[in-house]
């Protein structure tokens, strides 16, 4: 099995957060490094998805695929009624 190249990254984090990492590591019987890699990987994936969705939304705006404010407001107001309107398109 090929060994992956690594690099140490240091960050100062609040003590209560560090203690939570330690608690998770103990409970999961994993190292702190494993917990930190999992957390950082999940956060990066979330941010990459947020960036992708933002670019997708901006492309929709550029292409004119938008709903006007009045139709969105009417839809939102209808959500608390017995007969909500369909989602504006």
C-alpha atoms as a PDB file:
ATOM      1  CA  UNK A   1       0.000   0.000   0.000  1.00  0.00           C
ATOM      2  CA  UNK A   2       1.477   3.353  -1.064  1.00  0.00           C
ATOM      3  CA  UNK A   3       2.097   5.858   1.683  1.00  0.00           C
ATOM      4  CA  UNK A   4       0.382   9.232   1.290  1.00  0.00           C
ATOM      5  CA  UNK A   5       2.578  12.284   1.694  1.00  0.00           C
ATOM      6  CA  UNK A   6       1.512  14.385   4.679  1.00  0.00           C
ATOM      7  CA  UNK A   7       2.244  17.756   6.188  1.00  0.00           C
ATOM      8  CA  UNK A   8       1.720  18.991   9.733  1.00  0.00           C
ATOM      9  CA  UNK A   9      -0.675  21.917  10.089  1.00  0.00           C
ATOM     10  CA  UNK A  10      -0.870  23.659  13.448  1.00  0.00           C
ATOM     11  CA  UNK A  11      -3.814  25.674  14.710  1.00  0.00           C
ATOM     12  CA  UNK A  12      -4.605  27.264  18.033  1.00  0.00           C
ATOM     13  CA  UNK A  13      -8.128  26.318  19.072  1.00  0.00           C
ATOM     14  CA  UNK A  14     -10.094  27.136  22.220  1.00  0.00           C
ATOM     15  CA  UNK A  15      -9.536  24.711  25.097  1.00  0.00           C
ATOM     16  CA  UNK A  16     -13.212  23.611  25.256  1.00  0.00           C
ATOM     17  CA  UNK A  17     -13.083  22.626  21.572  1.00  0.00           C
ATOM     18  CA  UNK A  18      -9.814  20.744  22.082  1.00  0.00           C
ATOM     19  CA  UNK A  19     -11.386  18.918  25.018  1.00  0.00           C
ATOM     20  CA  UNK A  20     -14.327  17.886  22.836  1.00  0.00           C
ATOM     21  CA  UNK A  21     -11.887  16.531  20.236  1.00  0.00           C
ATOM     22  CA  UNK A  22     -10.155  14.540  22.970  1.00  0.00           C
ATOM     23  CA  UNK A  23     -13.501  13.189  24.227  1.00  0.00           C
ATOM     24  CA  UNK A  24     -14.507  12.123  20.723  1.00  0.00           C
ATOM     25  CA  UNK A  25     -11.145  10.497  20.140  1.00  0.00           C
ATOM     26  CA  UNK A  26     -11.506   8.514  23.363  1.00  0.00           C
ATOM     27  CA  UNK A  27     -15.098   7.514  22.658  1.00  0.00           C
ATOM     28  CA  UNK A  28     -14.384   6.480  19.067  1.00  0.00           C
ATOM     29  CA  UNK A  29     -11.034   4.927  19.956  1.00  0.00           C
ATOM     30  CA  UNK A  30      -9.364   7.036  17.291  1.00  0.00           C
ATOM     31  CA  UNK A  31      -6.491   9.489  17.405  1.00  0.00           C
ATOM     32  CA  UNK A  32      -6.948  13.241  17.663  1.00  0.00           C
ATOM     33  CA  UNK A  33      -5.296  13.476  14.248  1.00  0.00           C
ATOM     34  CA  UNK A  34      -7.946  11.158  12.770  1.00  0.00           C
ATOM     35  CA  UNK A  35     -10.737  13.278  14.295  1.00  0.00           C
ATOM     36  CA  UNK A  36      -9.170  16.475  12.941  1.00  0.00           C
ATOM     37  CA  UNK A  37      -8.711  14.981   9.444  1.00  0.00           C
ATOM     38  CA  UNK A  38     -12.349  13.885   9.387  1.00  0.00           C
ATOM     39  CA  UNK A  39     -13.581  17.285  10.563  1.00  0.00           C
ATOM     40  CA  UNK A  40     -11.386  19.231   8.147  1.00  0.00           C
ATOM     41  CA  UNK A  41     -12.323  16.974   5.219  1.00  0.00           C
ATOM     42  CA  UNK A  42     -16.039  17.393   5.968  1.00  0.00           C
ATOM     43  CA  UNK A  43     -15.713  21.181   6.283  1.00  0.00           C
ATOM     44  CA  UNK A  44     -13.754  21.474   3.032  1.00  0.00           C
ATOM     45  CA  UNK A  45     -16.344  19.335   1.209  1.00  0.00           C
ATOM     46  CA  UNK A  46     -19.132  21.547   2.601  1.00  0.00           C
ATOM     47  CA  UNK A  47     -17.362  24.724   1.487  1.00  0.00           C
ATOM     48  CA  UNK A  48     -16.670  23.301  -1.979  1.00  0.00           C
ATOM     49  CA  UNK A  49     -20.361  22.392  -2.329  1.00  0.00           C
ATOM     50  CA  UNK A  50     -21.383  25.873  -1.142  1.00  0.00           C
ATOM     51  CA  UNK A  51     -19.056  27.392  -3.761  1.00  0.00           C
ATOM     52  CA  UNK A  52     -20.453  25.100  -6.494  1.00  0.00           C
ATOM     53  CA  UNK A  53     -24.036  25.999  -5.582  1.00  0.00           C
ATOM     54  CA  UNK A  54     -23.183  29.718  -5.529  1.00  0.00           C
ATOM     55  CA  UNK A  55     -21.706  29.527  -9.036  1.00  0.00           C
ATOM     56  CA  UNK A  56     -24.724  27.522 -10.201  1.00  0.00           C
ATOM     57  CA  UNK A  57     -27.080  30.151  -8.771  1.00  0.00           C
ATOM     58  CA  UNK A  58     -25.122  33.001 -10.359  1.00  0.00           C
ATOM     59  CA  UNK A  59     -25.297  31.210 -13.724  1.00  0.00           C
ATOM     60  CA  UNK A  60     -29.092  30.953 -13.280  1.00  0.00           C
ATOM     61  CA  UNK A  61     -29.262  34.690 -12.601  1.00  0.00           C
ATOM     62  CA  UNK A  62     -27.089  35.447 -15.644  1.00  0.00           C
ATOM     63  CA  UNK A  63     -29.393  33.247 -17.765  1.00  0.00           C
ATOM     64  CA  UNK A  64     -32.510  34.986 -16.435  1.00  0.00           C
ATOM     65  CA  UNK A  65     -33.782  31.942 -14.545  1.00  0.00           C
ATOM     66  CA  UNK A  66     -35.141  33.865 -11.570  1.00  0.00           C
ATOM     67  CA  UNK A  67     -38.444  34.371  -9.763  1.00  0.00           C
ATOM     68  CA  UNK A  68     -39.739  37.848  -9.069  1.00  0.00           C
ATOM     69  CA  UNK A  69     -40.022  39.085  -5.505  1.00  0.00           C
ATOM     70  CA  UNK A  70     -43.808  39.374  -5.481  1.00  0.00           C
ATOM     71  CA  UNK A  71     -44.362  35.739  -6.484  1.00  0.00           C
ATOM     72  CA  UNK A  72     -41.861  34.513  -3.885  1.00  0.00           C
ATOM     73  CA  UNK A  73     -43.459  36.692  -1.197  1.00  0.00           C
ATOM     74  CA  UNK A  74     -46.942  35.418  -2.084  1.00  0.00           C
ATOM     75  CA  UNK A  75     -45.662  31.830  -1.917  1.00  0.00           C
ATOM     76  CA  UNK A  76     -43.972  32.425   1.459  1.00  0.00           C
ATOM     77  CA  UNK A  77     -47.110  34.068   2.852  1.00  0.00           C
ATOM     78  CA  UNK A  78     -49.205  31.116   1.702  1.00  0.00           C
ATOM     79  CA  UNK A  79     -47.118  28.566   3.615  1.00  0.00           C
ATOM     80  CA  UNK A  80     -48.976  29.298   6.845  1.00  0.00           C
ATOM     81  CA  UNK A  81     -52.387  28.792   5.191  1.00  0.00           C
ATOM     82  CA  UNK A  82     -54.449  25.666   4.607  1.00  0.00           C
ATOM     83  CA  UNK A  83     -53.718  25.868   0.855  1.00  0.00           C
ATOM     84  CA  UNK A  84     -50.098  26.880   0.179  1.00  0.00           C
ATOM     85  CA  UNK A  85     -49.241  28.019  -3.332  1.00  0.00           C
ATOM     86  CA  UNK A  86     -46.896  25.935  -5.488  1.00  0.00           C
ATOM     87  CA  UNK A  87     -43.254  26.906  -5.433  1.00  0.00           C
ATOM     88  CA  UNK A  88     -42.654  29.806  -7.864  1.00  0.00           C
ATOM     89  CA  UNK A  89     -40.788  28.907 -11.043  1.00  0.00           C
END
